[in-house]
Structures are given as C-alpha cells and as structure tokens.
Amino acid sequence: MVEQVEAVILCTGAIDKVVPFAGGSQPGVITAGGLYRLVHVHRLLLGQRFVVVGDGEDAASAIECIESAGGDVVLRVADPDARLMVAYGSAGIERVVSGDTAVEADIVVMAIGRTPDIILAAIAECHLRFDMASDAWAVQRDSALESSQSGIWAAGDVAGCIDAATSRAEGRFAAAQVATRLGALDDDGPEREHRLLEQAVTPKGQSPVEIANTETWASAMVERGSPEFPPCFVCRCEEVSAERLADQIAMGATTLNDLKRRARAGMGLCQGAYCLAEMIRMLAEQTGTSVAEIAPMTYRPPARPVTLNALARSSD
C-alpha cells in the first residue's frame, strides 16, 4: 500500500562531473568523489601512478588525498584549453597522453566539479532552471525553498552546487518551513533558521564553492573519428560513441529525448548522470542553440537501480 505524505524535502545532492575522452571508458577512470570514498571509507588505493584532471580546488584536494595515501601524481592536466588526453591500455589504463606529454599511469581522476542530481525532482515534475554557475539544470524554488510542486522542498546541491555549510543551513531552513506548515513549529522557527542560512552564505550571496566549467573541459576532448585513438564513448553505460551522437544530430535529432531514442545515450543505469553534459554540449554546438534553451531529458523511475529481491519484498 502506498502511503500519502504531506511534505517531501529533496536533498539528493550532486554528482561528480565527467567529460569523455578517447580511452576514457577503460577500467581505471574514476571521479574525485569515488577516490575519496575508496581511500577514506574503504582504505583502498586503486593504483600507484595517478593522472589528475582539473584546475580547481577539487583537483588540489584529489592530489592531496592521493599523496597522503602513498600514491604518486605523475601528471596533472590543469589546462582545459589544451587537448585533453588520450588513455591507452589493453585491460585498463596503462599510458596517458596529454598534448606533448606522455606518462605511464594506472588511474585517471576526473576532478572538474559537480552537477546537481535532479532525477527525483524531474520525475516529480518540479520545474527546473538552467543554473549557469553549475553549468547544469537545478531545481527551481521560491524564497522558502519550496519547488513548483506544492509540498516538495529542495535543499542543498539539488538546487545549484554550493558548499557543505550552506547545504546544511538550507536543510534546516527547509525543515523549519515544513514543520511550520504542518503545525509542529511556531512561526518564528523559519525566521531563526533563515538567519542561520544567511550567515552560512558569503556576503555576495554566492556560496564559496569553486565551480568548474564543464563546457570548457568538454571542448578540449580529442578530435572524434581519428582511427589512431581508442574509442571515445560519451555514454559509457550503453557504449554510445561521440561519432554516433554527432551522426544522429546531423540526421535531425533536435532534442535530448530524440537523441536518447535514436542513439540510446542516457538509457543506462546512471540515466545520463555522466553523459548528459556532453550530449547537451554536442546538441547545442551542432544545432546552433544555447545550452540553456535545450529542454531537460525525461527520466524514468526508479531513480537508482532496485534489485528484484527488494521488489519481491515490497507490498506495492
């Protein structure tokens, strides 16, 4: 039996950004978030020789994490204006070439920022806006952090990537709004939390998190269709290459949903979490439109993979 709820607070956070590059679908390519989890939670360092991609604080933190765990950073690709890289290997990363530099490496770490995880909000049909700071879609909300759907609030990175302190303050403020709406808190509660929220944000109203420009990094990927390079898969889940997407756009695909139907990009387990940014960039580039003008892709439930065993135990 499905239970009805009176209020929902979406605080689904953000997903690490990635950009495709030749050979980037091989084992050994991870994000900064994956690196931190492996090192700090599982006490595991996947390799010894690391290449770190990124020019901001995410990259600096990744390097510190690697070196503190005993790994070696053999190359940092910090210039998005140069050709990004090509990774070679038979069963995983063995060698990385960036511009005129070639190094032997085991792991490539993508540390170029984060993008809001909007899947649940999109399924709930909350209005989205294109957040230029995050270079991605985020949940649109009012001053009380409530979305366009009455009874659904959005706090933290899901509404635009921010720092941890502001995310926590937004969560408390949203919770106070909900408690007041349900009669469990006096009217002064939201005002108190709003003051704390204002204290958590910098004077200019911007969170102090550094945002990497995905479009700049994506435009630095190696040229497509070069036979001397390994495959460049934009959608790793479904193994959809950059060439296939470009061909489908040239044949008339004008929307993300159309491109998804034609090429299957975005239909994998991640539902476009890692390929969506490049799909948007390619569509905008080849059709001559702005990324902000492209409608979001349609998502389907469940937002994350659910095992058959979990479904069998469910009474719904």
C-alpha atoms as a PDB file:
ATOM      1  CA  MET A   1       0.000   0.000   0.000  1.00  0.00           C
ATOM      2  CA  VAL A   2       1.368   3.416  -0.964  1.00  0.00           C
ATOM      3  CA  GLU A   3       1.336   5.870   1.926  1.00  0.00           C
ATOM      4  CA  GLN A   4       0.483   9.516   1.289  1.00  0.00           C
ATOM      5  CA  VAL A   5       2.861  12.126   2.708  1.00  0.00           C
ATOM      6  CA  GLU A   6       2.213  15.796   3.340  1.00  0.00           C
ATOM      7  CA  ALA A   7       5.717  17.083   2.657  1.00  0.00           C
ATOM      8  CA  VAL A   8       8.944  15.983   0.981  1.00  0.00           C
ATOM      9  CA  ILE A   9      12.369  17.607   1.203  1.00  0.00           C
ATOM     10  CA  LEU A  10      14.609  16.754  -1.730  1.00  0.00           C
ATOM     11  CA  CYS A  11      18.269  16.852  -0.723  1.00  0.00           C
ATOM     12  CA  THR A  12      19.725  14.484  -3.315  1.00  0.00           C
ATOM     13  CA  GLY A  13      22.987  16.390  -3.577  1.00  0.00           C
ATOM     14  CA  ALA A  14      25.257  16.440  -6.590  1.00  0.00           C
ATOM     15  CA  ILE A  15      27.110  14.083  -8.922  1.00  0.00           C
ATOM     16  CA  ASP A  16      30.743  14.419  -9.931  1.00  0.00           C
ATOM     17  CA  LYS A  17      31.186  15.826 -13.423  1.00  0.00           C
ATOM     18  CA  VAL A  18      32.999  13.858 -16.090  1.00  0.00           C
ATOM     19  CA  VAL A  19      33.913  14.604 -19.686  1.00  0.00           C
ATOM     20  CA  PRO A  20      34.523  11.926 -22.320  1.00  0.00           C
ATOM     21  CA  PHE A  21      37.918  11.375 -23.856  1.00  0.00           C
ATOM     22  CA  ALA A  22      39.492   8.731 -26.057  1.00  0.00           C
ATOM     23  CA  GLY A  23      40.087   5.614 -23.973  1.00  0.00           C
ATOM     24  CA  GLY A  24      38.116   7.061 -21.076  1.00  0.00           C
ATOM     25  CA  SER A  25      35.746   4.089 -20.819  1.00  0.00           C
ATOM     26  CA  GLN A  26      38.526   1.732 -19.722  1.00  0.00           C
ATOM     27  CA  PRO A  27      38.863   0.492 -16.129  1.00  0.00           C
ATOM     28  CA  GLY A  28      40.896   2.949 -14.110  1.00  0.00           C
ATOM     29  CA  VAL A  29      38.968   6.187 -14.728  1.00  0.00           C
ATOM     30  CA  ILE A  30      37.283   7.483 -11.568  1.00  0.00           C
ATOM     31  CA  THR A  31      35.928  10.753 -10.208  1.00  0.00           C
ATOM     32  CA  ALA A  32      37.248  12.734  -7.265  1.00  0.00           C
ATOM     33  CA  GLY A  33      34.269  11.621  -5.157  1.00  0.00           C
ATOM     34  CA  GLY A  34      34.995   7.992  -5.962  1.00  0.00           C
ATOM     35  CA  LEU A  35      38.622   8.488  -4.995  1.00  0.00           C
ATOM     36  CA  TYR A  36      37.708   9.966  -1.602  1.00  0.00           C
ATOM     37  CA  ARG A  37      35.269   7.153  -0.884  1.00  0.00           C
ATOM     38  CA  LEU A  38      37.763   4.442  -1.758  1.00  0.00           C
ATOM     39  CA  VAL A  39      40.590   5.999   0.254  1.00  0.00           C
ATOM     40  CA  HIS A  40      38.761   7.325   3.308  1.00  0.00           C
ATOM     41  CA  VAL A  41      35.966   4.753   3.673  1.00  0.00           C
ATOM     42  CA  HIS A  42      37.435   1.558   2.249  1.00  0.00           C
ATOM     43  CA  ARG A  43      41.128   2.386   2.846  1.00  0.00           C
ATOM     44  CA  LEU A  44      41.883   1.371  -0.717  1.00  0.00           C
ATOM     45  CA  LEU A  45      44.253   2.977  -3.231  1.00  0.00           C
ATOM     46  CA  LEU A  46      43.482   1.543  -6.657  1.00  0.00           C
ATOM     47  CA  GLY A  47      46.887   2.176  -8.201  1.00  0.00           C
ATOM     48  CA  GLN A  48      50.230   3.865  -7.724  1.00  0.00           C
ATOM     49  CA  ARG A  49      50.554   6.279 -10.652  1.00  0.00           C
ATOM     50  CA  PHE A  50      47.755   8.851 -10.979  1.00  0.00           C
ATOM     51  CA  VAL A  51      46.755  11.440 -13.563  1.00  0.00           C
ATOM     52  CA  VAL A  52      44.502  14.171 -12.139  1.00  0.00           C
ATOM     53  CA  VAL A  53      42.291  16.229 -14.473  1.00  0.00           C
ATOM     54  CA  GLY A  54      41.135  19.594 -13.164  1.00  0.00           C
ATOM     55  CA  ASP A  55      42.243  23.149 -12.476  1.00  0.00           C
ATOM     56  CA  GLY A  56      40.383  23.959  -9.261  1.00  0.00           C
ATOM     57  CA  GLU A  57      40.121  23.014  -5.615  1.00  0.00           C
ATOM     58  CA  ASP A  58      38.634  19.602  -6.406  1.00  0.00           C
ATOM     59  CA  ALA A  59      41.851  18.689  -8.215  1.00  0.00           C
ATOM     60  CA  ALA A  60      44.057  20.086  -5.445  1.00  0.00           C
ATOM     61  CA  SER A  61      42.110  18.060  -2.850  1.00  0.00           C
ATOM     62  CA  ALA A  62      42.367  14.920  -5.008  1.00  0.00           C
ATOM     63  CA  ILE A  63      46.145  15.325  -5.264  1.00  0.00           C
ATOM     64  CA  GLU A  64      46.430  15.759  -1.511  1.00  0.00           C
ATOM     65  CA  CYS A  65      44.288  12.642  -0.987  1.00  0.00           C
ATOM     66  CA  ILE A  66      46.430  10.566  -3.361  1.00  0.00           C
ATOM     67  CA  GLU A  67      49.751  11.664  -1.928  1.00  0.00           C
ATOM     68  CA  SER A  68      48.629  11.250   1.685  1.00  0.00           C
ATOM     69  CA  ALA A  69      47.646   7.660   0.830  1.00  0.00           C
ATOM     70  CA  GLY A  70      51.049   6.926  -0.682  1.00  0.00           C
ATOM     71  CA  GLY A  71      50.265   7.348  -4.389  1.00  0.00           C
ATOM     72  CA  ASP A  72      52.176   9.336  -6.995  1.00  0.00           C
ATOM     73  CA  VAL A  73      50.616  12.058  -9.163  1.00  0.00           C
ATOM     74  CA  VAL A  74      52.583  11.677 -12.382  1.00  0.00           C
ATOM     75  CA  LEU A  75      50.587  14.291 -14.304  1.00  0.00           C
ATOM     76  CA  ARG A  76      48.026  16.992 -13.606  1.00  0.00           C
ATOM     77  CA  VAL A  77      46.039  18.130 -16.636  1.00  0.00           C
ATOM     78  CA  ALA A  78      45.124  21.623 -15.500  1.00  0.00           C
ATOM     79  CA  ASP A  79      44.730  23.461 -18.803  1.00  0.00           C
ATOM     80  CA  PRO A  80      41.322  22.911 -20.431  1.00  0.00           C
ATOM     81  CA  ASP A  81      42.454  24.919 -23.461  1.00  0.00           C
ATOM     82  CA  ALA A  82      44.913  22.198 -24.448  1.00  0.00           C
ATOM     83  CA  ARG A  83      43.926  18.871 -25.956  1.00  0.00           C
ATOM     84  CA  LEU A  84      42.628  16.943 -23.022  1.00  0.00           C
ATOM     85  CA  MET A  85      44.075  13.479 -23.230  1.00  0.00           C
ATOM     86  CA  VAL A  86      44.150  10.003 -24.711  1.00  0.00           C
ATOM     87  CA  ALA A  87      44.357   6.931 -22.467  1.00  0.00           C
ATOM     88  CA  TYR A  88      45.836   3.695 -23.782  1.00  0.00           C
ATOM     89  CA  GLY A  89      45.775   0.178 -22.327  1.00  0.00           C
ATOM     90  CA  SER A  90      44.752  -3.399 -23.037  1.00  0.00           C
ATOM     91  CA  ALA A  91      42.799  -4.189 -19.848  1.00  0.00           C
ATOM     92  CA  GLY A  92      42.911  -0.835 -18.090  1.00  0.00           C
ATOM     93  CA  ILE A  93      44.799   2.442 -18.072  1.00  0.00           C
ATOM     94  CA  GLU A  94      48.494   1.973 -18.891  1.00  0.00           C
ATOM     95  CA  ARG A  95      49.580   5.207 -20.598  1.00  0.00           C
ATOM     96  CA  VAL A  96      48.127   8.697 -20.832  1.00  0.00           C
ATOM     97  CA  VAL A  97      48.999  11.293 -23.445  1.00  0.00           C
ATOM     98  CA  SER A  98      48.033  14.958 -22.989  1.00  0.00           C
ATOM     99  CA  GLY A  99      49.356  17.361 -25.599  1.00  0.00           C
ATOM    100  CA  ASP A 100      53.088  16.682 -25.914  1.00  0.00           C
ATOM    101  CA  THR A 101      53.286  14.895 -22.559  1.00  0.00           C
ATOM    102  CA  ALA A 102      53.092  11.108 -22.223  1.00  0.00           C
ATOM    103  CA  VAL A 103      53.218   9.268 -18.886  1.00  0.00           C
ATOM    104  CA  GLU A 104      52.818   5.718 -17.631  1.00  0.00           C
ATOM    105  CA  ALA A 105      49.757   5.679 -15.365  1.00  0.00           C
ATOM    106  CA  ASP A 106      47.279   3.363 -13.610  1.00  0.00           C
ATOM    107  CA  ILE A 107      44.412   5.695 -12.696  1.00  0.00           C
ATOM    108  CA  VAL A 108      42.849   8.846 -14.148  1.00  0.00           C
ATOM    109  CA  VAL A 109      40.933  11.004 -11.651  1.00  0.00           C
ATOM    110  CA  MET A 110      38.337  13.442 -13.022  1.00  0.00           C
ATOM    111  CA  ALA A 111      38.189  16.403 -10.609  1.00  0.00           C
ATOM    112  CA  ILE A 112      36.283  19.105 -12.503  1.00  0.00           C
ATOM    113  CA  GLY A 113      33.388  19.869 -10.179  1.00  0.00           C
ATOM    114  CA  ARG A 114      29.837  18.641  -9.574  1.00  0.00           C
ATOM    115  CA  THR A 115      26.383  18.809 -11.128  1.00  0.00           C
ATOM    116  CA  PRO A 116      23.002  18.779  -9.284  1.00  0.00           C
ATOM    117  CA  ASP A 117      21.309  15.378  -9.019  1.00  0.00           C
ATOM    118  CA  ILE A 118      17.860  16.345 -10.307  1.00  0.00           C
ATOM    119  CA  ILE A 119      16.454  12.917 -11.232  1.00  0.00           C
ATOM    120  CA  LEU A 120      13.919  12.629  -8.381  1.00  0.00           C
ATOM    121  CA  ALA A 121      12.856  16.251  -8.850  1.00  0.00           C
ATOM    122  CA  ALA A 122      12.392  15.725 -12.589  1.00  0.00           C
ATOM    123  CA  ILE A 123      10.326  12.561 -12.007  1.00  0.00           C
ATOM    124  CA  ALA A 124       8.171  14.586  -9.588  1.00  0.00           C
ATOM    125  CA  GLU A 125       7.738  17.157 -12.400  1.00  0.00           C
ATOM    126  CA  CYS A 126       9.274  20.024 -10.425  1.00  0.00           C
ATOM    127  CA  HIS A 127      10.195  22.971 -12.603  1.00  0.00           C
ATOM    128  CA  LEU A 128      13.883  23.114 -13.448  1.00  0.00           C
ATOM    129  CA  ARG A 129      16.126  26.033 -14.362  1.00  0.00           C
ATOM    130  CA  PHE A 130      19.489  26.058 -16.086  1.00  0.00           C
ATOM    131  CA  ASP A 131      21.997  27.102 -13.444  1.00  0.00           C
ATOM    132  CA  MET A 132      24.872  28.888 -15.193  1.00  0.00           C
ATOM    133  CA  ALA A 133      27.135  28.560 -12.144  1.00  0.00           C
ATOM    134  CA  SER A 134      26.779  24.771 -12.052  1.00  0.00           C
ATOM    135  CA  ASP A 135      26.578  24.595 -15.870  1.00  0.00           C
ATOM    136  CA  ALA A 136      23.599  22.257 -15.453  1.00  0.00           C
ATOM    137  CA  TRP A 137      19.913  22.097 -14.580  1.00  0.00           C
ATOM    138  CA  ALA A 138      18.827  22.616 -10.992  1.00  0.00           C
ATOM    139  CA  VAL A 139      15.503  22.702  -9.145  1.00  0.00           C
ATOM    140  CA  GLN A 140      13.639  25.990  -9.327  1.00  0.00           C
ATOM    141  CA  ARG A 141      12.273  27.092  -5.952  1.00  0.00           C
ATOM    142  CA  ASP A 142      10.862  30.103  -4.102  1.00  0.00           C
ATOM    143  CA  SER A 143      12.313  32.054  -1.182  1.00  0.00           C
ATOM    144  CA  ALA A 144      11.043  29.374   1.212  1.00  0.00           C
ATOM    145  CA  LEU A 145      12.942  26.707  -0.816  1.00  0.00           C
ATOM    146  CA  GLU A 146       9.663  25.150  -1.990  1.00  0.00           C
ATOM    147  CA  SER A 147       9.613  23.838  -5.543  1.00  0.00           C
ATOM    148  CA  SER A 148       6.895  24.411  -8.131  1.00  0.00           C
ATOM    149  CA  GLN A 149       5.162  21.311  -6.760  1.00  0.00           C
ATOM    150  CA  SER A 150       3.327  22.217  -3.569  1.00  0.00           C
ATOM    151  CA  GLY A 151       4.657  20.215  -0.643  1.00  0.00           C
ATOM    152  CA  ILE A 152       8.063  19.469  -2.207  1.00  0.00           C
ATOM    153  CA  TRP A 153      11.040  21.469  -0.967  1.00  0.00           C
ATOM    154  CA  ALA A 154      14.604  21.384  -2.350  1.00  0.00           C
ATOM    155  CA  ALA A 155      17.687  21.967  -0.231  1.00  0.00           C
ATOM    156  CA  GLY A 156      21.394  21.883  -0.977  1.00  0.00           C
ATOM    157  CA  ASP A 157      23.164  20.973  -4.203  1.00  0.00           C
ATOM    158  CA  VAL A 158      19.999  19.779  -5.965  1.00  0.00           C
ATOM    159  CA  ALA A 159      19.106  23.460  -6.462  1.00  0.00           C
ATOM    160  CA  GLY A 160      22.630  24.503  -7.529  1.00  0.00           C
ATOM    161  CA  CYS A 161      26.017  23.333  -6.293  1.00  0.00           C
ATOM    162  CA  ILE A 162      27.018  25.028  -3.033  1.00  0.00           C
ATOM    163  CA  ASP A 163      29.327  24.363  -0.099  1.00  0.00           C
ATOM    164  CA  ALA A 164      28.600  21.918   2.721  1.00  0.00           C
ATOM    165  CA  ALA A 165      27.849  24.584   5.353  1.00  0.00           C
ATOM    166  CA  THR A 166      25.232  26.286   3.177  1.00  0.00           C
ATOM    167  CA  SER A 167      23.701  22.912   2.279  1.00  0.00           C
ATOM    168  CA  ARG A 168      23.241  22.074   5.953  1.00  0.00           C
ATOM    169  CA  ALA A 169      21.746  25.502   6.650  1.00  0.00           C
ATOM    170  CA  GLU A 170      19.332  25.122   3.724  1.00  0.00           C
ATOM    171  CA  GLY A 171      18.295  21.709   5.023  1.00  0.00           C
ATOM    172  CA  ARG A 172      17.471  23.156   8.444  1.00  0.00           C
ATOM    173  CA  PHE A 173      15.602  26.073   6.867  1.00  0.00           C
ATOM    174  CA  ALA A 174      13.546  23.739   4.649  1.00  0.00           C
ATOM    175  CA  ALA A 175      12.806  21.502   7.642  1.00  0.00           C
ATOM    176  CA  ALA A 176      11.613  24.528   9.611  1.00  0.00           C
ATOM    177  CA  GLN A 177       9.323  25.519   6.733  1.00  0.00           C
ATOM    178  CA  VAL A 178       7.835  22.021   6.649  1.00  0.00           C
ATOM    179  CA  ALA A 179       7.402  21.832  10.430  1.00  0.00           C
ATOM    180  CA  THR A 180       5.661  25.201  10.434  1.00  0.00           C
ATOM    181  CA  ARG A 181       3.382  24.189   7.551  1.00  0.00           C
ATOM    182  CA  LEU A 182       2.396  21.035   9.468  1.00  0.00           C
ATOM    183  CA  GLY A 183       1.845  22.933  12.717  1.00  0.00           C
ATOM    184  CA  ALA A 184       4.732  21.363  14.593  1.00  0.00           C
ATOM    185  CA  LEU A 185       6.756  24.602  14.923  1.00  0.00           C
ATOM    186  CA  ASP A 186       5.864  28.183  15.754  1.00  0.00           C
ATOM    187  CA  ASP A 187       6.087  30.860  13.092  1.00  0.00           C
ATOM    188  CA  ASP A 188       9.407  32.155  14.462  1.00  0.00           C
ATOM    189  CA  GLY A 189      11.142  28.879  13.567  1.00  0.00           C
ATOM    190  CA  PRO A 190      11.709  29.544   9.857  1.00  0.00           C
ATOM    191  CA  GLU A 191      12.874  33.093  10.640  1.00  0.00           C
ATOM    192  CA  ARG A 192      15.519  31.788  13.047  1.00  0.00           C
ATOM    193  CA  GLU A 193      16.749  29.228  10.500  1.00  0.00           C
ATOM    194  CA  HIS A 194      16.749  31.867   7.754  1.00  0.00           C
ATOM    195  CA  ARG A 195      19.115  33.994   9.814  1.00  0.00           C
ATOM    196  CA  LEU A 196      21.432  30.994  10.161  1.00  0.00           C
ATOM    197  CA  LEU A 197      21.160  30.402   6.427  1.00  0.00           C
ATOM    198  CA  GLU A 198      22.184  33.992   5.689  1.00  0.00           C
ATOM    199  CA  GLN A 199      25.198  33.579   7.961  1.00  0.00           C
ATOM    200  CA  ALA A 200      26.276  30.475   6.054  1.00  0.00           C
ATOM    201  CA  VAL A 201      26.339  32.285   2.713  1.00  0.00           C
ATOM    202  CA  THR A 202      29.025  34.758   1.672  1.00  0.00           C
ATOM    203  CA  PRO A 203      28.083  38.492   1.622  1.00  0.00           C
ATOM    204  CA  LYS A 204      27.617  38.488  -2.151  1.00  0.00           C
ATOM    205  CA  GLY A 205      25.019  35.728  -1.823  1.00  0.00           C
ATOM    206  CA  GLN A 206      27.217  33.172  -3.519  1.00  0.00           C
ATOM    207  CA  SER A 207      28.468  30.021  -1.891  1.00  0.00           C
ATOM    208  CA  PRO A 208      32.271  29.819  -1.694  1.00  0.00           C
ATOM    209  CA  VAL A 209      32.444  26.590  -3.680  1.00  0.00           C
ATOM    210  CA  GLU A 210      34.548  26.713  -6.836  1.00  0.00           C
ATOM    211  CA  ILE A 211      32.637  25.719  -9.976  1.00  0.00           C
ATOM    212  CA  ALA A 212      34.410  24.157 -12.936  1.00  0.00           C
ATOM    213  CA  ASN A 213      33.112  24.931 -16.414  1.00  0.00           C
ATOM    214  CA  THR A 214      32.201  21.605 -17.970  1.00  0.00           C
ATOM    215  CA  GLU A 215      31.782  23.100 -21.418  1.00  0.00           C
ATOM    216  CA  THR A 216      35.372  24.366 -21.390  1.00  0.00           C
ATOM    217  CA  TRP A 217      36.699  20.956 -20.421  1.00  0.00           C
ATOM    218  CA  ALA A 218      34.426  19.108 -22.831  1.00  0.00           C
ATOM    219  CA  SER A 219      35.549  21.254 -25.753  1.00  0.00           C
ATOM    220  CA  ALA A 220      39.102  20.160 -25.003  1.00  0.00           C
ATOM    221  CA  MET A 221      38.429  16.479 -25.742  1.00  0.00           C
ATOM    222  CA  VAL A 222      40.428  14.905 -28.564  1.00  0.00           C
ATOM    223  CA  GLU A 223      39.110  15.072 -32.090  1.00  0.00           C
ATOM    224  CA  ARG A 224      36.499  12.467 -32.852  1.00  0.00           C
ATOM    225  CA  GLY A 225      36.833   9.882 -35.567  1.00  0.00           C
ATOM    226  CA  SER A 226      40.615   9.603 -35.539  1.00  0.00           C
ATOM    227  CA  PRO A 227      41.487   5.948 -36.199  1.00  0.00           C
ATOM    228  CA  GLU A 228      44.743   6.099 -34.236  1.00  0.00           C
ATOM    229  CA  PHE A 229      42.859   6.844 -30.999  1.00  0.00           C
ATOM    230  CA  PRO A 230      40.940   4.403 -28.758  1.00  0.00           C
ATOM    231  CA  PRO A 231      37.121   4.764 -28.830  1.00  0.00           C
ATOM    232  CA  CYS A 232      35.598   7.861 -27.242  1.00  0.00           C
ATOM    233  CA  PHE A 233      32.332   6.802 -25.595  1.00  0.00           C
ATOM    234  CA  VAL A 234      30.093   9.647 -24.426  1.00  0.00           C
ATOM    235  CA  CYS A 235      27.602   7.210 -22.851  1.00  0.00           C
ATOM    236  CA  ARG A 236      29.653   4.505 -21.185  1.00  0.00           C
ATOM    237  CA  CYS A 237      26.612   2.571 -19.907  1.00  0.00           C
ATOM    238  CA  GLU A 238      25.312   1.932 -23.431  1.00  0.00           C
ATOM    239  CA  GLU A 239      28.668   2.359 -25.234  1.00  0.00           C
ATOM    240  CA  VAL A 240      27.438   5.209 -27.421  1.00  0.00           C
ATOM    241  CA  SER A 241      30.321   6.958 -29.154  1.00  0.00           C
ATOM    242  CA  ALA A 242      30.720  10.645 -29.873  1.00  0.00           C
ATOM    243  CA  GLU A 243      30.613   9.826 -33.584  1.00  0.00           C
ATOM    244  CA  ARG A 244      27.218   8.101 -33.275  1.00  0.00           C
ATOM    245  CA  LEU A 245      25.707  11.044 -31.398  1.00  0.00           C
ATOM    246  CA  ALA A 246      27.112  13.510 -33.943  1.00  0.00           C
ATOM    247  CA  ASP A 247      25.649  11.442 -36.779  1.00  0.00           C
ATOM    248  CA  GLN A 248      22.193  11.338 -35.171  1.00  0.00           C
ATOM    249  CA  ILE A 249      22.200  15.098 -34.612  1.00  0.00           C
ATOM    250  CA  ALA A 250      23.225  15.598 -38.239  1.00  0.00           C
ATOM    251  CA  MET A 251      20.317  13.339 -39.271  1.00  0.00           C
ATOM    252  CA  GLY A 252      17.776  15.556 -37.499  1.00  0.00           C
ATOM    253  CA  ALA A 253      17.811  14.984 -33.726  1.00  0.00           C
ATOM    254  CA  THR A 254      16.970  18.345 -32.145  1.00  0.00           C
ATOM    255  CA  THR A 255      16.115  17.424 -28.537  1.00  0.00           C
ATOM    256  CA  LEU A 256      17.714  15.331 -25.813  1.00  0.00           C
ATOM    257  CA  ASN A 257      14.774  12.922 -25.774  1.00  0.00           C
ATOM    258  CA  ASP A 258      15.040  12.480 -29.540  1.00  0.00           C
ATOM    259  CA  LEU A 259      18.780  11.890 -29.276  1.00  0.00           C
ATOM    260  CA  LYS A 260      18.132   9.418 -26.452  1.00  0.00           C
ATOM    261  CA  ARG A 261      15.633   7.439 -28.556  1.00  0.00           C
ATOM    262  CA  ARG A 262      17.829   7.390 -31.636  1.00  0.00           C
ATOM    263  CA  ALA A 263      21.162   6.507 -30.017  1.00  0.00           C
ATOM    264  CA  ARG A 264      20.223   5.046 -26.559  1.00  0.00           C
ATOM    265  CA  ALA A 265      22.550   7.518 -24.832  1.00  0.00           C
ATOM    266  CA  GLY A 266      21.218   8.215 -21.332  1.00  0.00           C
ATOM    267  CA  MET A 267      19.278   4.942 -21.113  1.00  0.00           C
ATOM    268  CA  GLY A 268      21.829   3.177 -18.925  1.00  0.00           C
ATOM    269  CA  LEU A 269      21.987   2.672 -15.165  1.00  0.00           C
ATOM    270  CA  CYS A 270      23.109   6.241 -14.476  1.00  0.00           C
ATOM    271  CA  GLN A 271      20.233   7.724 -16.555  1.00  0.00           C
ATOM    272  CA  GLY A 272      22.501  10.276 -18.162  1.00  0.00           C
ATOM    273  CA  ALA A 273      24.259  11.378 -14.981  1.00  0.00           C
ATOM    274  CA  TYR A 274      27.656  11.150 -16.664  1.00  0.00           C
ATOM    275  CA  CYS A 275      26.841  11.659 -20.349  1.00  0.00           C
ATOM    276  CA  LEU A 276      24.153  14.339 -20.203  1.00  0.00           C
ATOM    277  CA  ALA A 277      26.516  17.331 -20.113  1.00  0.00           C
ATOM    278  CA  GLU A 278      28.309  16.229 -23.275  1.00  0.00           C
ATOM    279  CA  MET A 279      25.016  15.390 -25.012  1.00  0.00           C
ATOM    280  CA  ILE A 280      23.814  18.928 -24.274  1.00  0.00           C
ATOM    281  CA  ARG A 281      27.065  20.460 -25.480  1.00  0.00           C
ATOM    282  CA  MET A 282      27.065  18.492 -28.733  1.00  0.00           C
ATOM    283  CA  LEU A 283      23.395  19.246 -29.408  1.00  0.00           C
ATOM    284  CA  ALA A 284      23.863  22.957 -28.777  1.00  0.00           C
ATOM    285  CA  GLU A 285      27.049  23.090 -30.844  1.00  0.00           C
ATOM    286  CA  GLN A 286      25.654  21.277 -33.887  1.00  0.00           C
ATOM    287  CA  THR A 287      22.219  22.930 -33.890  1.00  0.00           C
ATOM    288  CA  GLY A 288      23.461  26.423 -33.094  1.00  0.00           C
ATOM    289  CA  THR A 289      21.359  26.838 -29.938  1.00  0.00           C
ATOM    290  CA  SER A 290      22.216  27.836 -26.391  1.00  0.00           C
ATOM    291  CA  VAL A 291      22.598  25.096 -23.784  1.00  0.00           C
ATOM    292  CA  ALA A 292      20.046  26.946 -21.644  1.00  0.00           C
ATOM    293  CA  GLU A 293      17.454  26.618 -24.417  1.00  0.00           C
ATOM    294  CA  ILE A 294      17.645  22.815 -24.585  1.00  0.00           C
ATOM    295  CA  ALA A 295      14.814  21.098 -22.696  1.00  0.00           C
ATOM    296  CA  PRO A 296      15.804  18.607 -19.978  1.00  0.00           C
ATOM    297  CA  MET A 297      15.741  14.899 -20.696  1.00  0.00           C
ATOM    298  CA  THR A 298      12.804  12.800 -19.443  1.00  0.00           C
ATOM    299  CA  TYR A 299      13.739  10.495 -16.555  1.00  0.00           C
ATOM    300  CA  ARG A 300      12.068   7.264 -15.549  1.00  0.00           C
ATOM    301  CA  PRO A 301      11.627   5.633 -12.126  1.00  0.00           C
ATOM    302  CA  PRO A 302      13.379   4.155 -10.298  1.00  0.00           C
ATOM    303  CA  ALA A 303      15.986   6.888  -9.934  1.00  0.00           C
ATOM    304  CA  ARG A 304      18.544   4.262  -8.899  1.00  0.00           C
ATOM    305  CA  PRO A 305      18.734   0.531  -9.715  1.00  0.00           C
ATOM    306  CA  VAL A 306      16.499  -1.614  -7.499  1.00  0.00           C
ATOM    307  CA  THR A 307      17.131  -5.340  -7.056  1.00  0.00           C
ATOM    308  CA  LEU A 308      14.441  -7.893  -7.898  1.00  0.00           C
ATOM    309  CA  ASN A 309      14.740  -9.146  -4.312  1.00  0.00           C
ATOM    310  CA  ALA A 310      13.787  -5.686  -2.989  1.00  0.00           C
ATOM    311  CA  LEU A 311      10.835  -5.512  -5.392  1.00  0.00           C
ATOM    312  CA  ALA A 312       9.682  -9.007  -4.359  1.00  0.00           C
ATOM    313  CA  ARG A 313       9.589  -7.942  -0.692  1.00  0.00           C
ATOM    314  CA  SER A 314       7.613  -4.808  -1.480  1.00  0.00           C
ATOM    315  CA  SER A 315       3.869  -4.865  -0.874  1.00  0.00           C
ATOM    316  CA  ASP A 316       3.211  -2.163  -3.513  1.00  0.00           C
END
